[in-house]
Amino acid sequence: MTPTELLTSTQAGVILGKSSRTVIRLIEAGAITPLGKLNGPNGPYVLTRTAVEDYAEKTLAA
């Protein structure tokens, strides 16, 4: 079993070639499912690399 790599929206943005704000908009729109959100009003979203790569594959196929 391989460990799951966790990413912030900034790291996901680098993979997708988008800004971290765009990644947050994609999360809020339901296009990418985050693992969760850390505490606090400005707590970052946490995503799995798999979720980000799945989104990238879907958008390339469309």
PDB file of N, CA and C in Angstrom:
ATOM      1  N   MET A   1       0.842  -1.176   0.000  1.00  0.00           N
ATOM      2  CA  MET A   1       0.000   0.000   0.000  1.00  0.00           C
ATOM      3  C   MET A   1       0.892   1.246   0.000  1.00  0.00           C
ATOM      4  N   THR A   2       0.606   2.162  -0.914  1.00  0.00           N
ATOM      5  CA  THR A   2       1.395   3.390  -0.975  1.00  0.00           C
ATOM      6  C   THR A   2       0.707   4.489  -0.172  1.00  0.00           C
ATOM      7  N   PRO A   3       1.482   5.347   0.471  1.00  0.00           N
ATOM      8  CA  PRO A   3       0.879   6.429   1.229  1.00  0.00           C
ATOM      9  C   PRO A   3       0.240   7.453   0.289  1.00  0.00           C
ATOM     10  N   THR A   4      -0.794   8.099   0.775  1.00  0.00           N
ATOM     11  CA  THR A   4      -1.487   9.112   0.000  1.00  0.00           C
ATOM     12  C   THR A   4      -0.747  10.432   0.124  1.00  0.00           C
ATOM     13  N   GLU A   5      -0.442  11.039  -1.006  1.00  0.00           N
ATOM     14  CA  GLU A   5       0.231  12.331  -0.982  1.00  0.00           C
ATOM     15  C   GLU A   5      -0.820  13.427  -0.831  1.00  0.00           C
ATOM     16  N   LEU A   6      -0.638  14.277   0.172  1.00  0.00           N
ATOM     17  CA  LEU A   6      -1.562  15.370   0.431  1.00  0.00           C
ATOM     18  C   LEU A   6      -1.010  16.669  -0.145  1.00  0.00           C
ATOM     19  N   LEU A   7      -1.917  17.478  -0.693  1.00  0.00           N
ATOM     20  CA  LEU A   7      -1.531  18.717  -1.337  1.00  0.00           C
ATOM     21  C   LEU A   7      -2.375  19.879  -0.835  1.00  0.00           C
ATOM     22  N   THR A   8      -1.814  21.069  -0.877  1.00  0.00           N
ATOM     23  CA  THR A   8      -2.581  22.287  -0.632  1.00  0.00           C
ATOM     24  C   THR A   8      -3.139  22.762  -1.977  1.00  0.00           C
ATOM     25  N   SER A   9      -3.998  23.766  -1.935  1.00  0.00           N
ATOM     26  CA  SER A   9      -4.527  24.301  -3.190  1.00  0.00           C
ATOM     27  C   SER A   9      -3.418  24.927  -4.033  1.00  0.00           C
ATOM     28  N   THR A  10      -2.406  25.490  -3.396  1.00  0.00           N
ATOM     29  CA  THR A  10      -1.276  26.061  -4.133  1.00  0.00           C
ATOM     30  C   THR A  10      -0.513  24.968  -4.869  1.00  0.00           C
ATOM     31  N   GLN A  11      -0.245  23.855  -4.192  1.00  0.00           N
ATOM     32  CA  GLN A  11       0.462  22.739  -4.824  1.00  0.00           C
ATOM     33  C   GLN A  11      -0.377  22.131  -5.945  1.00  0.00           C
ATOM     34  N   ALA A  12      -1.682  22.025  -5.726  1.00  0.00           N
ATOM     35  CA  ALA A  12      -2.576  21.500  -6.761  1.00  0.00           C
ATOM     36  C   ALA A  12      -2.576  22.427  -7.967  1.00  0.00           C
ATOM     37  N   GLY A  13      -2.537  23.733  -7.713  1.00  0.00           N
ATOM     38  CA  GLY A  13      -2.497  24.701  -8.799  1.00  0.00           C
ATOM     39  C   GLY A  13      -1.263  24.562  -9.666  1.00  0.00           C
ATOM     40  N   VAL A  14      -0.133  24.266  -9.044  1.00  0.00           N
ATOM     41  CA  VAL A  14       1.102  24.058  -9.809  1.00  0.00           C
ATOM     42  C   VAL A  14       0.939  22.853 -10.739  1.00  0.00           C
ATOM     43  N   ILE A  15       0.363  21.797 -10.235  1.00  0.00           N
ATOM     44  CA  ILE A  15       0.152  20.587 -11.044  1.00  0.00           C
ATOM     45  C   ILE A  15      -0.798  20.874 -12.202  1.00  0.00           C
ATOM     46  N   LEU A  16      -1.858  21.657 -11.926  1.00  0.00           N
ATOM     47  CA  LEU A  16      -2.881  21.922 -12.934  1.00  0.00           C
ATOM     48  C   LEU A  16      -2.557  23.118 -13.828  1.00  0.00           C
ATOM     49  N   GLY A  17      -1.545  23.888 -13.449  1.00  0.00           N
ATOM     50  CA  GLY A  17      -1.229  25.090 -14.215  1.00  0.00           C
ATOM     51  C   GLY A  17      -2.243  26.202 -13.981  1.00  0.00           C
ATOM     52  N   LYS A  18      -2.791  26.242 -12.756  1.00  0.00           N
ATOM     53  CA  LYS A  18      -3.795  27.239 -12.393  1.00  0.00           C
ATOM     54  C   LYS A  18      -3.394  27.899 -11.081  1.00  0.00           C
ATOM     55  N   SER A  19      -4.021  29.019 -10.770  1.00  0.00           N
ATOM     56  CA  SER A  19      -3.743  29.681  -9.500  1.00  0.00           C
ATOM     57  C   SER A  19      -4.412  28.929  -8.355  1.00  0.00           C
ATOM     58  N   SER A  20      -3.941  29.173  -7.147  1.00  0.00           N
ATOM     59  CA  SER A  20      -4.563  28.524  -5.983  1.00  0.00           C
ATOM     60  C   SER A  20      -6.003  28.977  -5.828  1.00  0.00           C
ATOM     61  N   ARG A  21      -6.295  30.225  -6.180  1.00  0.00           N
ATOM     62  CA  ARG A  21      -7.681  30.725  -6.090  1.00  0.00           C
ATOM     63  C   ARG A  21      -8.583  29.986  -7.073  1.00  0.00           C
ATOM     64  N   THR A  22      -8.087  29.696  -8.254  1.00  0.00           N
ATOM     65  CA  THR A  22      -8.870  28.928  -9.218  1.00  0.00           C
ATOM     66  C   THR A  22      -9.131  27.524  -8.698  1.00  0.00           C
ATOM     67  N   VAL A  23      -8.148  26.915  -8.067  1.00  0.00           N
ATOM     68  CA  VAL A  23      -8.341  25.582  -7.478  1.00  0.00           C
ATOM     69  C   VAL A  23      -9.428  25.654  -6.400  1.00  0.00           C
ATOM     70  N   ILE A  24      -9.412  26.698  -5.587  1.00  0.00           N
ATOM     71  CA  ILE A  24     -10.444  26.853  -4.552  1.00  0.00           C
ATOM     72  C   ILE A  24     -11.819  27.013  -5.203  1.00  0.00           C
ATOM     73  N   ARG A  25     -11.899  27.753  -6.275  1.00  0.00           N
ATOM     74  CA  ARG A  25     -13.179  27.897  -6.989  1.00  0.00           C
ATOM     75  C   ARG A  25     -13.647  26.550  -7.531  1.00  0.00           C
ATOM     76  N   LEU A  26     -12.722  25.750  -8.043  1.00  0.00           N
ATOM     77  CA  LEU A  26     -13.079  24.417  -8.540  1.00  0.00           C
ATOM     78  C   LEU A  26     -13.597  23.536  -7.403  1.00  0.00           C
ATOM     79  N   ILE A  27     -12.991  23.655  -6.241  1.00  0.00           N
ATOM     80  CA  ILE A  27     -13.450  22.899  -5.071  1.00  0.00           C
ATOM     81  C   ILE A  27     -14.850  23.348  -4.691  1.00  0.00           C
ATOM     82  N   GLU A  28     -15.049  24.671  -4.610  1.00  0.00           N
ATOM     83  CA  GLU A  28     -16.356  25.213  -4.222  1.00  0.00           C
ATOM     84  C   GLU A  28     -17.442  24.867  -5.237  1.00  0.00           C
ATOM     85  N   ALA A  29     -17.069  24.702  -6.500  1.00  0.00           N
ATOM     86  CA  ALA A  29     -18.018  24.325  -7.544  1.00  0.00           C
ATOM     87  C   ALA A  29     -18.278  22.821  -7.587  1.00  0.00           C
ATOM     88  N   GLY A  30     -17.494  22.048  -6.830  1.00  0.00           N
ATOM     89  CA  GLY A  30     -17.679  20.607  -6.803  1.00  0.00           C
ATOM     90  C   GLY A  30     -16.917  19.850  -7.875  1.00  0.00           C
ATOM     91  N   ALA A  31     -16.041  20.539  -8.600  1.00  0.00           N
ATOM     92  CA  ALA A  31     -15.282  19.881  -9.663  1.00  0.00           C
ATOM     93  C   ALA A  31     -14.148  19.025  -9.110  1.00  0.00           C
ATOM     94  N   ILE A  32     -13.594  19.435  -7.972  1.00  0.00           N
ATOM     95  CA  ILE A  32     -12.545  18.672  -7.294  1.00  0.00           C
ATOM     96  C   ILE A  32     -13.014  18.440  -5.863  1.00  0.00           C
ATOM     97  N   THR A  33     -12.919  17.215  -5.403  1.00  0.00           N
ATOM     98  CA  THR A  33     -13.336  16.892  -4.046  1.00  0.00           C
ATOM     99  C   THR A  33     -12.131  16.934  -3.112  1.00  0.00           C
ATOM    100  N   PRO A  34     -12.159  17.846  -2.136  1.00  0.00           N
ATOM    101  CA  PRO A  34     -11.038  17.913  -1.194  1.00  0.00           C
ATOM    102  C   PRO A  34     -11.154  16.824  -0.138  1.00  0.00           C
ATOM    103  N   LEU A  35     -10.057  16.521   0.482  1.00  0.00           N
ATOM    104  CA  LEU A  35     -10.066  15.598   1.611  1.00  0.00           C
ATOM    105  C   LEU A  35     -10.708  16.281   2.808  1.00  0.00           C
ATOM    106  N   GLY A  36     -10.465  17.582   2.933  1.00  0.00           N
ATOM    107  CA  GLY A  36     -11.052  18.358   4.018  1.00  0.00           C
ATOM    108  C   GLY A  36     -10.495  19.763   4.025  1.00  0.00           C
ATOM    109  N   LYS A  37     -10.858  20.491   5.065  1.00  0.00           N
ATOM    110  CA  LYS A  37     -10.389  21.859   5.236  1.00  0.00           C
ATOM    111  C   LYS A  37      -9.882  21.974   6.661  1.00  0.00           C
ATOM    112  N   LEU A  38      -8.724  22.566   6.822  1.00  0.00           N
ATOM    113  CA  LEU A  38      -8.163  22.717   8.158  1.00  0.00           C
ATOM    114  C   LEU A  38      -8.887  23.814   8.924  1.00  0.00           C
ATOM    115  N   ASN A  39      -8.786  23.794  10.230  1.00  0.00           N
ATOM    116  CA  ASN A  39      -9.508  24.726  11.084  1.00  0.00           C
ATOM    117  C   ASN A  39      -9.126  26.173  10.830  1.00  0.00           C
ATOM    118  N   GLY A  40     -10.025  27.047  11.211  1.00  0.00           N
ATOM    119  CA  GLY A  40      -9.780  28.479  11.110  1.00  0.00           C
ATOM    120  C   GLY A  40     -10.475  29.086   9.923  1.00  0.00           C
ATOM    121  N   PRO A  41     -10.703  30.392   9.976  1.00  0.00           N
ATOM    122  CA  PRO A  41     -11.395  31.048   8.866  1.00  0.00           C
ATOM    123  C   PRO A  41     -10.600  31.013   7.566  1.00  0.00           C
ATOM    124  N   ASN A  42      -9.296  30.939   7.661  1.00  0.00           N
ATOM    125  CA  ASN A  42      -8.450  30.877   6.469  1.00  0.00           C
ATOM    126  C   ASN A  42      -7.721  29.545   6.353  1.00  0.00           C
ATOM    127  N   GLY A  43      -8.268  28.530   6.994  1.00  0.00           N
ATOM    128  CA  GLY A  43      -7.643  27.216   6.941  1.00  0.00           C
ATOM    129  C   GLY A  43      -7.622  26.685   5.522  1.00  0.00           C
ATOM    130  N   PRO A  44      -6.505  26.135   5.095  1.00  0.00           N
ATOM    131  CA  PRO A  44      -6.388  25.662   3.711  1.00  0.00           C
ATOM    132  C   PRO A  44      -7.148  24.358   3.471  1.00  0.00           C
ATOM    133  N   TYR A  45      -7.540  24.175   2.226  1.00  0.00           N
ATOM    134  CA  TYR A  45      -8.099  22.897   1.811  1.00  0.00           C
ATOM    135  C   TYR A  45      -6.945  21.912   1.686  1.00  0.00           C
ATOM    136  N   VAL A  46      -7.243  20.657   1.941  1.00  0.00           N
ATOM    137  CA  VAL A  46      -6.272  19.582   1.762  1.00  0.00           C
ATOM    138  C   VAL A  46      -6.850  18.642   0.708  1.00  0.00           C
ATOM    139  N   LEU A  47      -6.050  18.365  -0.304  1.00  0.00           N
ATOM    140  CA  LEU A  47      -6.484  17.508  -1.402  1.00  0.00           C
ATOM    141  C   LEU A  47      -5.527  16.341  -1.541  1.00  0.00           C
ATOM    142  N   THR A  48      -6.010  15.275  -2.116  1.00  0.00           N
ATOM    143  CA  THR A  48      -5.113  14.170  -2.431  1.00  0.00           C
ATOM    144  C   THR A  48      -4.595  14.368  -3.853  1.00  0.00           C
ATOM    145  N   ARG A  49      -3.383  13.908  -4.094  1.00  0.00           N
ATOM    146  CA  ARG A  49      -2.820  13.999  -5.445  1.00  0.00           C
ATOM    147  C   ARG A  49      -3.722  13.250  -6.422  1.00  0.00           C
ATOM    148  N   THR A  50      -4.311  12.156  -5.989  1.00  0.00           N
ATOM    149  CA  THR A  50      -5.193  11.364  -6.846  1.00  0.00           C
ATOM    150  C   THR A  50      -6.380  12.193  -7.324  1.00  0.00           C
ATOM    151  N   ALA A  51      -7.004  12.961  -6.418  1.00  0.00           N
ATOM    152  CA  ALA A  51      -8.158  13.786  -6.790  1.00  0.00           C
ATOM    153  C   ALA A  51      -7.756  14.840  -7.817  1.00  0.00           C
ATOM    154  N   VAL A  52      -6.582  15.431  -7.634  1.00  0.00           N
ATOM    155  CA  VAL A  52      -6.101  16.457  -8.556  1.00  0.00           C
ATOM    156  C   VAL A  52      -5.792  15.827  -9.914  1.00  0.00           C
ATOM    157  N   GLU A  53      -5.134  14.693  -9.922  1.00  0.00           N
ATOM    158  CA  GLU A  53      -4.806  14.027 -11.186  1.00  0.00           C
ATOM    159  C   GLU A  53      -6.055  13.526 -11.898  1.00  0.00           C
ATOM    160  N   ASP A  54      -7.058  13.066 -11.137  1.00  0.00           N
ATOM    161  CA  ASP A  54      -8.339  12.646 -11.746  1.00  0.00           C
ATOM    162  C   ASP A  54      -9.010  13.829 -12.437  1.00  0.00           C
ATOM    163  N   TYR A  55      -9.005  14.989 -11.779  1.00  0.00           N
ATOM    164  CA  TYR A  55      -9.589  16.178 -12.390  1.00  0.00           C
ATOM    165  C   TYR A  55      -8.833  16.551 -13.662  1.00  0.00           C
ATOM    166  N   ALA A  56      -7.514  16.492 -13.614  1.00  0.00           N
ATOM    167  CA  ALA A  56      -6.702  16.834 -14.776  1.00  0.00           C
ATOM    168  C   ALA A  56      -7.016  15.897 -15.944  1.00  0.00           C
ATOM    169  N   GLU A  57      -7.163  14.616 -15.670  1.00  0.00           N
ATOM    170  CA  GLU A  57      -7.483  13.644 -16.725  1.00  0.00           C
ATOM    171  C   GLU A  57      -8.848  13.929 -17.333  1.00  0.00           C
ATOM    172  N   LYS A  58      -9.838  14.258 -16.494  1.00  0.00           N
ATOM    173  CA  LYS A  58     -11.190  14.552 -16.999  1.00  0.00           C
ATOM    174  C   LYS A  58     -11.180  15.770 -17.887  1.00  0.00           C
ATOM    175  N   THR A  59     -10.458  16.811 -17.512  1.00  0.00           N
ATOM    176  CA  THR A  59     -10.466  18.034 -18.300  1.00  0.00           C
ATOM    177  C   THR A  59      -9.689  17.863 -19.603  1.00  0.00           C
ATOM    178  N   LEU A  60      -8.661  17.021 -19.609  1.00  0.00           N
ATOM    179  CA  LEU A  60      -7.923  16.771 -20.844  1.00  0.00           C
ATOM    180  C   LEU A  60      -8.748  15.936 -21.813  1.00  0.00           C
ATOM    181  N   ALA A  61      -9.584  15.054 -21.271  1.00  0.00           N
ATOM    182  CA  ALA A  61     -10.392  14.175 -22.114  1.00  0.00           C
ATOM    183  C   ALA A  61     -11.568  14.931 -22.737  1.00  0.00           C
ATOM    184  N   ALA A  62     -11.978  16.036 -22.123  1.00  0.00           N
ATOM    185  CA  ALA A  62     -13.156  16.781 -22.612  1.00  0.00           C
ATOM    186  C   ALA A  62     -12.842  17.648 -23.800  1.00  0.00           C
TER     187      ALA A  62
END
